[in-house]
All heavy atoms as atom14 arrays in JSON, in Angstrom:
{
  "sequence": "ATPVTLRAAVDALAPGGRLAILGVHRDSRFSVDPQRMVSGELSILGS",
  "atom14_mask": [
    [1, 1, 1, 1, 1, 0, 0, 0, 0, 0, 0, 0, 0, 0],
    [1, 1, 1, 1, 1, 1, 1, 0, 0, 0, 0, 0, 0, 0],
    [1, 1, 1, 1, 1, 1, 1, 0, 0, 0, 0, 0, 0, 0],
    [1, 1, 1, 1, 1, 1, 1, 0, 0, 0, 0, 0, 0, 0],
    [1, 1, 1, 1, 1, 1, 1, 0, 0, 0, 0, 0, 0, 0],
    [1, 1, 1, 1, 1, 1, 1, 1, 0, 0, 0, 0, 0, 0],
    [1, 1, 1, 1, 1, 1, 1, 1, 1, 1, 1, 0, 0, 0],
    [1, 1, 1, 1, 1, 0, 0, 0, 0, 0, 0, 0, 0, 0],
    [1, 1, 1, 1, 1, 0, 0, 0, 0, 0, 0, 0, 0, 0],
    [1, 1, 1, 1, 1, 1, 1, 0, 0, 0, 0, 0, 0, 0],
    [1, 1, 1, 1, 1, 1, 1, 1, 0, 0, 0, 0, 0, 0],
    [1, 1, 1, 1, 1, 0, 0, 0, 0, 0, 0, 0, 0, 0],
    [1, 1, 1, 1, 1, 1, 1, 1, 0, 0, 0, 0, 0, 0],
    [1, 1, 1, 1, 1, 0, 0, 0, 0, 0, 0, 0, 0, 0],
    [1, 1, 1, 1, 1, 1, 1, 0, 0, 0, 0, 0, 0, 0],
    [1, 1, 1, 1, 0, 0, 0, 0, 0, 0, 0, 0, 0, 0],
    [1, 1, 1, 1, 0, 0, 0, 0, 0, 0, 0, 0, 0, 0],
    [1, 1, 1, 1, 1, 1, 1, 1, 1, 1, 1, 0, 0, 0],
    [1, 1, 1, 1, 1, 1, 1, 1, 0, 0, 0, 0, 0, 0],
    [1, 1, 1, 1, 1, 0, 0, 0, 0, 0, 0, 0, 0, 0],
    [1, 1, 1, 1, 1, 1, 1, 1, 0, 0, 0, 0, 0, 0],
    [1, 1, 1, 1, 1, 1, 1, 1, 0, 0, 0, 0, 0, 0],
    [1, 1, 1, 1, 0, 0, 0, 0, 0, 0, 0, 0, 0, 0],
    [1, 1, 1, 1, 1, 1, 1, 0, 0, 0, 0, 0, 0, 0],
    [1, 1, 1, 1, 1, 1, 1, 1, 1, 1, 0, 0, 0, 0],
    [1, 1, 1, 1, 1, 1, 1, 1, 1, 1, 1, 0, 0, 0],
    [1, 1, 1, 1, 1, 1, 1, 1, 0, 0, 0, 0, 0, 0],
    [1, 1, 1, 1, 1, 1, 0, 0, 0, 0, 0, 0, 0, 0],
    [1, 1, 1, 1, 1, 1, 1, 1, 1, 1, 1, 0, 0, 0],
    [1, 1, 1, 1, 1, 1, 1, 1, 1, 1, 1, 0, 0, 0],
    [1, 1, 1, 1, 1, 1, 0, 0, 0, 0, 0, 0, 0, 0],
    [1, 1, 1, 1, 1, 1, 1, 0, 0, 0, 0, 0, 0, 0],
    [1, 1, 1, 1, 1, 1, 1, 1, 0, 0, 0, 0, 0, 0],
    [1, 1, 1, 1, 1, 1, 1, 0, 0, 0, 0, 0, 0, 0],
    [1, 1, 1, 1, 1, 1, 1, 1, 1, 0, 0, 0, 0, 0],
    [1, 1, 1, 1, 1, 1, 1, 1, 1, 1, 1, 0, 0, 0],
    [1, 1, 1, 1, 1, 1, 1, 1, 0, 0, 0, 0, 0, 0],
    [1, 1, 1, 1, 1, 1, 1, 0, 0, 0, 0, 0, 0, 0],
    [1, 1, 1, 1, 1, 1, 0, 0, 0, 0, 0, 0, 0, 0],
    [1, 1, 1, 1, 0, 0, 0, 0, 0, 0, 0, 0, 0, 0],
    [1, 1, 1, 1, 1, 1, 1, 1, 1, 0, 0, 0, 0, 0],
    [1, 1, 1, 1, 1, 1, 1, 1, 0, 0, 0, 0, 0, 0],
    [1, 1, 1, 1, 1, 1, 0, 0, 0, 0, 0, 0, 0, 0],
    [1, 1, 1, 1, 1, 1, 1, 1, 0, 0, 0, 0, 0, 0],
    [1, 1, 1, 1, 1, 1, 1, 1, 0, 0, 0, 0, 0, 0],
    [1, 1, 1, 1, 0, 0, 0, 0, 0, 0, 0, 0, 0, 0],
    [1, 1, 1, 1, 1, 1, 0, 0, 0, 0, 0, 0, 0, 0]
  ],
  "atom14_positions": [
    [[0.82, -1.22, -0.01], [-0.01, 0.02, -0.01], [0.83, 1.29, 0.0], [0.68, 2.16, 0.85], [-0.99, -0.01, 1.18], [0.0, 0.0, 0.0], [0.0, 0.0, 0.0], [0.0, 0.0, 0.0], [0.0, 0.0, 0.0], [0.0, 0.0, 0.0], [0.0, 0.0, 0.0], [0.0, 0.0, 0.0], [0.0, 0.0, 0.0], [0.0, 0.0, 0.0]],
    [[1.71, 1.4, -0.98], [2.43, 2.66, -1.16], [1.53, 3.51, -2.05], [0.62, 3.05, -2.68], [3.78, 2.46, -1.87], [3.56, 2.01, -3.2], [4.63, 1.48, -1.12], [0.0, 0.0, 0.0], [0.0, 0.0, 0.0], [0.0, 0.0, 0.0], [0.0, 0.0, 0.0], [0.0, 0.0, 0.0], [0.0, 0.0, 0.0], [0.0, 0.0, 0.0]],
    [[1.75, 4.83, -2.1], [0.99, 5.66, -2.97], [1.0, 5.13, -4.44], [-0.01, 5.18, -5.15], [1.6, 7.03, -2.86], [2.2, 7.04, -1.45], [2.65, 5.64, -1.25], [0.0, 0.0, 0.0], [0.0, 0.0, 0.0], [0.0, 0.0, 0.0], [0.0, 0.0, 0.0], [0.0, 0.0, 0.0], [0.0, 0.0, 0.0], [0.0, 0.0, 0.0]],
    [[2.13, 4.67, -4.89], [2.29, 4.15, -6.27], [1.45, 2.9, -6.47], [0.71, 2.77, -7.46], [3.78, 3.89, -6.64], [3.89, 3.18, -7.95], [4.53, 5.18, -6.62], [0.0, 0.0, 0.0], [0.0, 0.0, 0.0], [0.0, 0.0, 0.0], [0.0, 0.0, 0.0], [0.0, 0.0, 0.0], [0.0, 0.0, 0.0], [0.0, 0.0, 0.0]],
    [[1.55, 1.94, -5.55], [0.79, 0.7, -5.75], [-0.68, 0.93, -5.58], [-1.52, 0.28, -6.32], [1.25, -0.41, -4.79], [1.02, -0.04, -3.45], [2.73, -0.76, -5.03], [0.0, 0.0, 0.0], [0.0, 0.0, 0.0], [0.0, 0.0, 0.0], [0.0, 0.0, 0.0], [0.0, 0.0, 0.0], [0.0, 0.0, 0.0], [0.0, 0.0, 0.0]],
    [[-1.08, 1.78, -4.69], [-2.52, 2.11, -4.55], [-3.11, 2.74, -5.75], [-4.21, 2.37, -6.21], [-2.72, 2.97, -3.32], [-2.47, 2.27, -1.97], [-2.4, 3.26, -0.85], [-3.58, 1.21, -1.66], [0.0, 0.0, 0.0], [0.0, 0.0, 0.0], [0.0, 0.0, 0.0], [0.0, 0.0, 0.0], [0.0, 0.0, 0.0], [0.0, 0.0, 0.0]],
    [[-2.41, 3.71, -6.34], [-2.88, 4.42, -7.54], [-2.97, 3.38, -8.69], [-3.95, 3.34, -9.43], [-1.91, 5.52, -7.94], [-2.14, 6.16, -9.27], [-3.49, 6.79, -9.54], [-4.09, 7.45, -8.36], [-5.38, 7.34, -7.98], [-6.21, 6.64, -8.73], [-5.82, 7.86, -6.96], [0.0, 0.0, 0.0], [0.0, 0.0, 0.0], [0.0, 0.0, 0.0]],
    [[-1.93, 2.57, -8.85], [-1.98, 1.56, -9.9], [-3.1, 0.55, -9.73], [-3.76, 0.16, -10.65], [-0.66, 0.83, -9.99], [0.0, 0.0, 0.0], [0.0, 0.0, 0.0], [0.0, 0.0, 0.0], [0.0, 0.0, 0.0], [0.0, 0.0, 0.0], [0.0, 0.0, 0.0], [0.0, 0.0, 0.0], [0.0, 0.0, 0.0], [0.0, 0.0, 0.0]],
    [[-3.36, 0.15, -8.46], [-4.44, -0.76, -8.18], [-5.77, -0.22, -8.54], [-6.55, -0.91, -9.22], [-4.4, -1.14, -6.68], [0.0, 0.0, 0.0], [0.0, 0.0, 0.0], [0.0, 0.0, 0.0], [0.0, 0.0, 0.0], [0.0, 0.0, 0.0], [0.0, 0.0, 0.0], [0.0, 0.0, 0.0], [0.0, 0.0, 0.0], [0.0, 0.0, 0.0]],
    [[-6.08, 0.99, -8.17], [-7.38, 1.59, -8.52], [-7.51, 1.74, -10.02], [-8.56, 1.49, -10.61], [-7.56, 2.98, -7.75], [-8.77, 3.73, -8.3], [-7.69, 2.76, -6.29], [0.0, 0.0, 0.0], [0.0, 0.0, 0.0], [0.0, 0.0, 0.0], [0.0, 0.0, 0.0], [0.0, 0.0, 0.0], [0.0, 0.0, 0.0], [0.0, 0.0, 0.0]],
    [[-6.44, 2.21, -10.65], [-6.49, 2.36, -12.06], [-6.64, 1.08, -12.85], [-7.16, 1.06, -13.98], [-5.22, 3.13, -12.59], [-5.18, 4.55, -12.17], [-6.26, 5.12, -11.75], [-4.11, 5.17, -12.27], [0.0, 0.0, 0.0], [0.0, 0.0, 0.0], [0.0, 0.0, 0.0], [0.0, 0.0, 0.0], [0.0, 0.0, 0.0], [0.0, 0.0, 0.0]],
    [[-6.19, -0.01, -12.26], [-6.29, -1.36, -12.89], [-7.68, -1.99, -12.77], [-7.93, -3.01, -13.41], [-5.19, -2.26, -12.43], [0.0, 0.0, 0.0], [0.0, 0.0, 0.0], [0.0, 0.0, 0.0], [0.0, 0.0, 0.0], [0.0, 0.0, 0.0], [0.0, 0.0, 0.0], [0.0, 0.0, 0.0], [0.0, 0.0, 0.0], [0.0, 0.0, 0.0]],
    [[-8.5, -1.49, -11.89], [-9.76, -2.16, -11.58], [-10.79, -2.1, -12.7], [-10.95, -1.05, -13.36], [-10.39, -1.58, -10.32], [-9.7, -1.87, -9.01], [-10.34, -1.14, -7.88], [-9.64, -3.36, -8.72], [0.0, 0.0, 0.0], [0.0, 0.0, 0.0], [0.0, 0.0, 0.0], [0.0, 0.0, 0.0], [0.0, 0.0, 0.0], [0.0, 0.0, 0.0]],
    [[-11.45, -3.18, -12.95], [-12.58, -3.26, -13.87], [-13.79, -2.72, -13.22], [-13.83, -2.56, -11.99], [-12.81, -4.71, -14.27], [0.0, 0.0, 0.0], [0.0, 0.0, 0.0], [0.0, 0.0, 0.0], [0.0, 0.0, 0.0], [0.0, 0.0, 0.0], [0.0, 0.0, 0.0], [0.0, 0.0, 0.0], [0.0, 0.0, 0.0], [0.0, 0.0, 0.0]],
    [[-14.85, -2.4, -13.98], [-16.13, -2.02, -13.31], [-16.53, -3.03, -12.27], [-16.45, -4.24, -12.5], [-17.13, -1.97, -14.48], [-16.24, -1.67, -15.68], [-14.96, -2.43, -15.43], [0.0, 0.0, 0.0], [0.0, 0.0, 0.0], [0.0, 0.0, 0.0], [0.0, 0.0, 0.0], [0.0, 0.0, 0.0], [0.0, 0.0, 0.0], [0.0, 0.0, 0.0]],
    [[-16.93, -2.59, -11.09], [-17.29, -3.51, -10.01], [-16.1, -4.05, -9.3], [-16.25, -4.95, -8.44], [0.0, 0.0, 0.0], [0.0, 0.0, 0.0], [0.0, 0.0, 0.0], [0.0, 0.0, 0.0], [0.0, 0.0, 0.0], [0.0, 0.0, 0.0], [0.0, 0.0, 0.0], [0.0, 0.0, 0.0], [0.0, 0.0, 0.0], [0.0, 0.0, 0.0]],
    [[-14.89, -3.62, -9.6], [-13.7, -4.16, -9.05], [-13.48, -3.82, -7.57], [-14.06, -2.88, -7.06], [0.0, 0.0, 0.0], [0.0, 0.0, 0.0], [0.0, 0.0, 0.0], [0.0, 0.0, 0.0], [0.0, 0.0, 0.0], [0.0, 0.0, 0.0], [0.0, 0.0, 0.0], [0.0, 0.0, 0.0], [0.0, 0.0, 0.0], [0.0, 0.0, 0.0]],
    [[-12.61, -4.61, -6.93], [-12.36, -4.41, -5.52], [-10.83, -4.34, -5.26], [-10.1, -5.11, -5.79], [-12.93, -5.59, -4.73], [-14.47, -5.61, -4.76], [-15.01, -6.96, -4.3], [-14.49, -7.94, -5.26], [-14.8, -9.21, -5.29], [-15.59, -9.68, -4.38], [-14.29, -10.03, -6.19], [0.0, 0.0, 0.0], [0.0, 0.0, 0.0], [0.0, 0.0, 0.0]],
    [[-10.47, -3.44, -4.4], [-9.1, -3.29, -3.94], [-9.07, -3.74, -2.47], [-9.8, -3.15, -1.64], [-8.58, -1.9, -4.06], [-7.31, -1.52, -3.29], [-6.13, -2.39, -3.71], [-6.99, -0.05, -3.47], [0.0, 0.0, 0.0], [0.0, 0.0, 0.0], [0.0, 0.0, 0.0], [0.0, 0.0, 0.0], [0.0, 0.0, 0.0], [0.0, 0.0, 0.0]],
    [[-8.3, -4.78, -2.13], [-8.13, -5.23, -0.78], [-6.74, -4.83, -0.28], [-5.74, -5.22, -0.88], [-8.32, -6.73, -0.69], [0.0, 0.0, 0.0], [0.0, 0.0, 0.0], [0.0, 0.0, 0.0], [0.0, 0.0, 0.0], [0.0, 0.0, 0.0], [0.0, 0.0, 0.0], [0.0, 0.0, 0.0], [0.0, 0.0, 0.0], [0.0, 0.0, 0.0]],
    [[-6.66, -4.06, 0.77], [-5.38, -3.62, 1.32], [-5.12, -4.44, 2.59], [-5.85, -4.42, 3.57], [-5.47, -2.1, 1.68], [-5.78, -1.28, 0.42], [-4.11, -1.66, 2.3], [-6.09, 0.18, 0.73], [0.0, 0.0, 0.0], [0.0, 0.0, 0.0], [0.0, 0.0, 0.0], [0.0, 0.0, 0.0], [0.0, 0.0, 0.0], [0.0, 0.0, 0.0]],
    [[-4.01, -5.2, 2.55], [-3.66, -6.1, 3.63], [-2.39, -5.7, 4.34], [-2.02, -6.36, 5.34], [-3.55, -7.56, 3.13], [-4.81, -8.11, 2.46], [-4.57, -9.53, 2.05], [-5.97, -8.05, 3.4], [0.0, 0.0, 0.0], [0.0, 0.0, 0.0], [0.0, 0.0, 0.0], [0.0, 0.0, 0.0], [0.0, 0.0, 0.0], [0.0, 0.0, 0.0]],
    [[-1.71, -4.75, 3.9], [-0.48, -4.22, 4.54], [-0.34, -2.75, 4.17], [-0.89, -2.32, 3.22], [0.0, 0.0, 0.0], [0.0, 0.0, 0.0], [0.0, 0.0, 0.0], [0.0, 0.0, 0.0], [0.0, 0.0, 0.0], [0.0, 0.0, 0.0], [0.0, 0.0, 0.0], [0.0, 0.0, 0.0], [0.0, 0.0, 0.0], [0.0, 0.0, 0.0]],
    [[0.39, -2.0, 4.99], [0.45, -0.56, 4.8], [1.91, -0.13, 4.96], [2.58, -0.43, 5.93], [-0.41, 0.19, 5.8], [-0.33, 1.68, 5.6], [-1.85, -0.26, 5.68], [0.0, 0.0, 0.0], [0.0, 0.0, 0.0], [0.0, 0.0, 0.0], [0.0, 0.0, 0.0], [0.0, 0.0, 0.0], [0.0, 0.0, 0.0], [0.0, 0.0, 0.0]],
    [[2.36, 0.65, 4.0], [3.64, 1.37, 4.09], [3.46, 2.58, 4.98], [2.4, 3.2, 4.97], [4.06, 1.81, 2.67], [5.42, 2.46, 2.61], [5.6, 3.76, 2.82], [6.64, 1.92, 2.43], [6.89, 4.05, 2.7], [7.52, 2.96, 2.45], [0.0, 0.0, 0.0], [0.0, 0.0, 0.0], [0.0, 0.0, 0.0], [0.0, 0.0, 0.0]],
    [[4.46, 2.89, 5.8], [4.3, 3.97, 6.8], [3.97, 5.32, 6.21], [3.36, 6.13, 6.88], [5.56, 4.02, 7.67], [6.76, 4.59, 6.96], [7.97, 4.65, 7.89], [9.15, 5.05, 7.15], [9.95, 4.29, 6.45], [9.7, 2.99, 6.44], [10.97, 4.74, 5.83], [0.0, 0.0, 0.0], [0.0, 0.0, 0.0], [0.0, 0.0, 0.0]],
    [[4.32, 5.58, 4.98], [4.05, 6.89, 4.33], [2.83, 6.81, 3.4], [2.69, 7.69, 2.55], [5.28, 7.38, 3.61], [6.45, 7.62, 4.54], [6.22, 8.06, 5.67], [7.58, 7.36, 4.13], [0.0, 0.0, 0.0], [0.0, 0.0, 0.0], [0.0, 0.0, 0.0], [0.0, 0.0, 0.0], [0.0, 0.0, 0.0], [0.0, 0.0, 0.0]],
    [[2.0, 5.83, 3.56], [0.89, 5.65, 2.59], [-0.17, 6.71, 2.76], [-0.78, 6.85, 3.77], [0.28, 4.29, 2.8], [1.14, 3.3, 2.4], [0.0, 0.0, 0.0], [0.0, 0.0, 0.0], [0.0, 0.0, 0.0], [0.0, 0.0, 0.0], [0.0, 0.0, 0.0], [0.0, 0.0, 0.0], [0.0, 0.0, 0.0], [0.0, 0.0, 0.0]],
    [[-0.4, 7.36, 1.64], [-1.53, 8.33, 1.5], [-1.88, 8.36, 0.02], [-0.98, 8.36, -0.8], [-1.13, 9.75, 1.91], [-0.66, 9.9, 3.36], [-1.87, 9.84, 4.3], [-1.48, 10.05, 5.72], [-1.07, 9.1, 6.48], [-0.95, 7.85, 6.08], [-0.7, 9.37, 7.76], [0.0, 0.0, 0.0], [0.0, 0.0, 0.0], [0.0, 0.0, 0.0]],
    [[-3.16, 8.38, -0.31], [-3.52, 8.49, -1.64], [-4.96, 9.01, -1.69], [-5.71, 8.9, -0.73], [-3.33, 7.19, -2.45], [-4.51, 6.26, -2.45], [-5.21, 5.94, -3.58], [-4.89, 5.61, -1.24], [-6.27, 5.01, -3.55], [-5.9, 4.67, -1.21], [-6.64, 4.41, -2.37], [0.0, 0.0, 0.0], [0.0, 0.0, 0.0], [0.0, 0.0, 0.0]],
    [[-5.31, 9.61, -2.79], [-6.69, 10.06, -2.91], [-7.29, 9.36, -4.1], [-6.63, 8.92, -4.99], [-6.74, 11.59, -3.14], [-6.07, 11.97, -4.3], [0.0, 0.0, 0.0], [0.0, 0.0, 0.0], [0.0, 0.0, 0.0], [0.0, 0.0, 0.0], [0.0, 0.0, 0.0], [0.0, 0.0, 0.0], [0.0, 0.0, 0.0], [0.0, 0.0, 0.0]],
    [[-8.63, 9.27, -4.1], [-9.32, 8.59, -5.15], [-10.52, 9.49, -5.55], [-11.1, 10.18, -4.74], [-9.76, 7.19, -4.68], [-10.71, 7.26, -3.5], [-10.33, 6.38, -5.85], [0.0, 0.0, 0.0], [0.0, 0.0, 0.0], [0.0, 0.0, 0.0], [0.0, 0.0, 0.0], [0.0, 0.0, 0.0], [0.0, 0.0, 0.0], [0.0, 0.0, 0.0]],
    [[-10.81, 9.51, -6.83], [-11.9, 10.29, -7.38], [-13.22, 9.63, -6.99], [-13.51, 8.52, -7.44], [-11.72, 10.31, -8.91], [-12.85, 11.08, -9.54], [-13.76, 11.63, -8.92], [-12.8, 11.12, -10.85], [0.0, 0.0, 0.0], [0.0, 0.0, 0.0], [0.0, 0.0, 0.0], [0.0, 0.0, 0.0], [0.0, 0.0, 0.0], [0.0, 0.0, 0.0]],
    [[-14.02, 10.26, -6.2], [-15.32, 9.69, -5.79], [-16.23, 9.38, -6.99], [-16.97, 8.4, -6.93], [-15.96, 10.72, -4.81], [-15.06, 11.87, -4.79], [-13.83, 11.59, -5.57], [0.0, 0.0, 0.0], [0.0, 0.0, 0.0], [0.0, 0.0, 0.0], [0.0, 0.0, 0.0], [0.0, 0.0, 0.0], [0.0, 0.0, 0.0], [0.0, 0.0, 0.0]],
    [[-16.13, 10.21, -8.0], [-16.98, 9.98, -9.19], [-16.55, 8.62, -9.83], [-17.45, 7.85, -10.24], [-16.76, 11.08, -10.22], [-17.55, 10.89, -11.51], [-19.04, 10.88, -11.29], [-19.58, 11.61, -10.45], [-19.78, 10.05, -12.04], [0.0, 0.0, 0.0], [0.0, 0.0, 0.0], [0.0, 0.0, 0.0], [0.0, 0.0, 0.0], [0.0, 0.0, 0.0]],
    [[-15.25, 8.3, -9.88], [-14.82, 7.03, -10.42], [-15.29, 5.9, -9.57], [-15.67, 4.8, -10.05], [-13.28, 7.03, -10.53], [-12.74, 5.63, -10.96], [-11.78, 5.76, -12.1], [-11.11, 4.61, -12.61], [-11.18, 3.34, -12.32], [-11.91, 2.9, -11.34], [-10.43, 2.45, -12.91], [0.0, 0.0, 0.0], [0.0, 0.0, 0.0], [0.0, 0.0, 0.0]],
    [[-15.25, 6.06, -8.25], [-15.71, 5.03, -7.3], [-17.23, 4.72, -7.51], [-17.6, 3.56, -7.63], [-15.48, 5.47, -5.86], [-14.05, 5.66, -5.48], [-13.11, 4.16, -5.51], [-13.93, 3.18, -4.33], [0.0, 0.0, 0.0], [0.0, 0.0, 0.0], [0.0, 0.0, 0.0], [0.0, 0.0, 0.0], [0.0, 0.0, 0.0], [0.0, 0.0, 0.0]],
    [[-18.02, 5.77, -7.67], [-19.43, 5.57, -7.8], [-19.79, 5.06, -9.2], [-20.5, 4.02, -9.31], [-20.21, 6.89, -7.52], [-21.71, 6.77, -7.85], [-20.01, 7.3, -6.11], [0.0, 0.0, 0.0], [0.0, 0.0, 0.0], [0.0, 0.0, 0.0], [0.0, 0.0, 0.0], [0.0, 0.0, 0.0], [0.0, 0.0, 0.0], [0.0, 0.0, 0.0]],
    [[-19.26, 5.7, -10.23], [-19.64, 5.27, -11.6], [-19.08, 3.91, -11.92], [-19.69, 3.13, -12.67], [-19.17, 6.32, -12.63], [-17.75, 6.38, -12.65], [0.0, 0.0, 0.0], [0.0, 0.0, 0.0], [0.0, 0.0, 0.0], [0.0, 0.0, 0.0], [0.0, 0.0, 0.0], [0.0, 0.0, 0.0], [0.0, 0.0, 0.0], [0.0, 0.0, 0.0]],
    [[-17.9, 3.55, -11.38], [-17.3, 2.24, -11.65], [-17.76, 1.21, -10.63], [-17.36, 0.02, -10.74], [0.0, 0.0, 0.0], [0.0, 0.0, 0.0], [0.0, 0.0, 0.0], [0.0, 0.0, 0.0], [0.0, 0.0, 0.0], [0.0, 0.0, 0.0], [0.0, 0.0, 0.0], [0.0, 0.0, 0.0], [0.0, 0.0, 0.0], [0.0, 0.0, 0.0]],
    [[-18.54, 1.63, -9.6], [-19.0, 0.72, -8.55], [-17.79, -0.03, -7.97], [-17.85, -1.3, -7.73], [-20.06, -0.29, -9.04], [-21.34, 0.46, -9.48], [-22.43, -0.57, -9.92], [-22.14, -1.64, -10.51], [-23.57, -0.13, -9.75], [0.0, 0.0, 0.0], [0.0, 0.0, 0.0], [0.0, 0.0, 0.0], [0.0, 0.0, 0.0], [0.0, 0.0, 0.0]],
    [[-16.76, 0.71, -7.64], [-15.54, 0.13, -7.09], [-15.66, 0.08, -5.54], [-16.32, 0.88, -4.95], [-14.33, 0.98, -7.46], [-14.12, 1.22, -8.99], [-12.91, 2.09, -9.23], [-13.98, -0.11, -9.73], [0.0, 0.0, 0.0], [0.0, 0.0, 0.0], [0.0, 0.0, 0.0], [0.0, 0.0, 0.0], [0.0, 0.0, 0.0], [0.0, 0.0, 0.0]],
    [[-14.9, -0.87, -4.95], [-14.83, -1.03, -3.52], [-13.37, -1.05, -3.07], [-12.51, -1.65, -3.79], [-15.5, -2.38, -3.09], [-16.8, -2.39, -3.5], [0.0, 0.0, 0.0], [0.0, 0.0, 0.0], [0.0, 0.0, 0.0], [0.0, 0.0, 0.0], [0.0, 0.0, 0.0], [0.0, 0.0, 0.0], [0.0, 0.0, 0.0], [0.0, 0.0, 0.0]],
    [[-13.12, -0.42, -1.98], [-11.81, -0.5, -1.33], [-12.07, -1.0, 0.08], [-12.89, -0.46, 0.8], [-11.07, 0.87, -1.27], [-10.86, 1.39, -2.67], [-9.77, 0.74, -0.51], [-10.3, 2.81, -2.7], [0.0, 0.0, 0.0], [0.0, 0.0, 0.0], [0.0, 0.0, 0.0], [0.0, 0.0, 0.0], [0.0, 0.0, 0.0], [0.0, 0.0, 0.0]],
    [[-11.35, -2.07, 0.45], [-11.48, -2.58, 1.84], [-10.12, -2.9, 2.41], [-9.18, -3.14, 1.65], [-12.38, -3.76, 1.88], [-12.0, -5.0, 0.98], [-11.44, -6.06, 1.89], [-13.18, -5.5, 0.25], [0.0, 0.0, 0.0], [0.0, 0.0, 0.0], [0.0, 0.0, 0.0], [0.0, 0.0, 0.0], [0.0, 0.0, 0.0], [0.0, 0.0, 0.0]],
    [[-10.09, -2.81, 3.7], [-8.81, -3.13, 4.38], [-9.01, -4.15, 5.43], [-10.08, -4.33, 5.95], [0.0, 0.0, 0.0], [0.0, 0.0, 0.0], [0.0, 0.0, 0.0], [0.0, 0.0, 0.0], [0.0, 0.0, 0.0], [0.0, 0.0, 0.0], [0.0, 0.0, 0.0], [0.0, 0.0, 0.0], [0.0, 0.0, 0.0], [0.0, 0.0, 0.0]],
    [[-7.94, -4.88, 5.76], [-7.97, -5.87, 6.78], [-6.62, -5.94, 7.48], [-5.58, -6.04, 6.8], [-8.36, -7.2, 6.21], [-8.39, -8.21, 7.25], [0.0, 0.0, 0.0], [0.0, 0.0, 0.0], [0.0, 0.0, 0.0], [0.0, 0.0, 0.0], [0.0, 0.0, 0.0], [0.0, 0.0, 0.0], [0.0, 0.0, 0.0], [0.0, 0.0, 0.0]]
  ]
}
């Protein structure tokens, strides 16, 4: 979950895709376009 991997992950998702975050880099921060989340029906979850 670095900013680079998170951005690539969201960009790689198909419609209805899901991003599961299972580990975190200490400097991890990223933003996501809410319009893309809603229109693409994307999900981000962490564990």
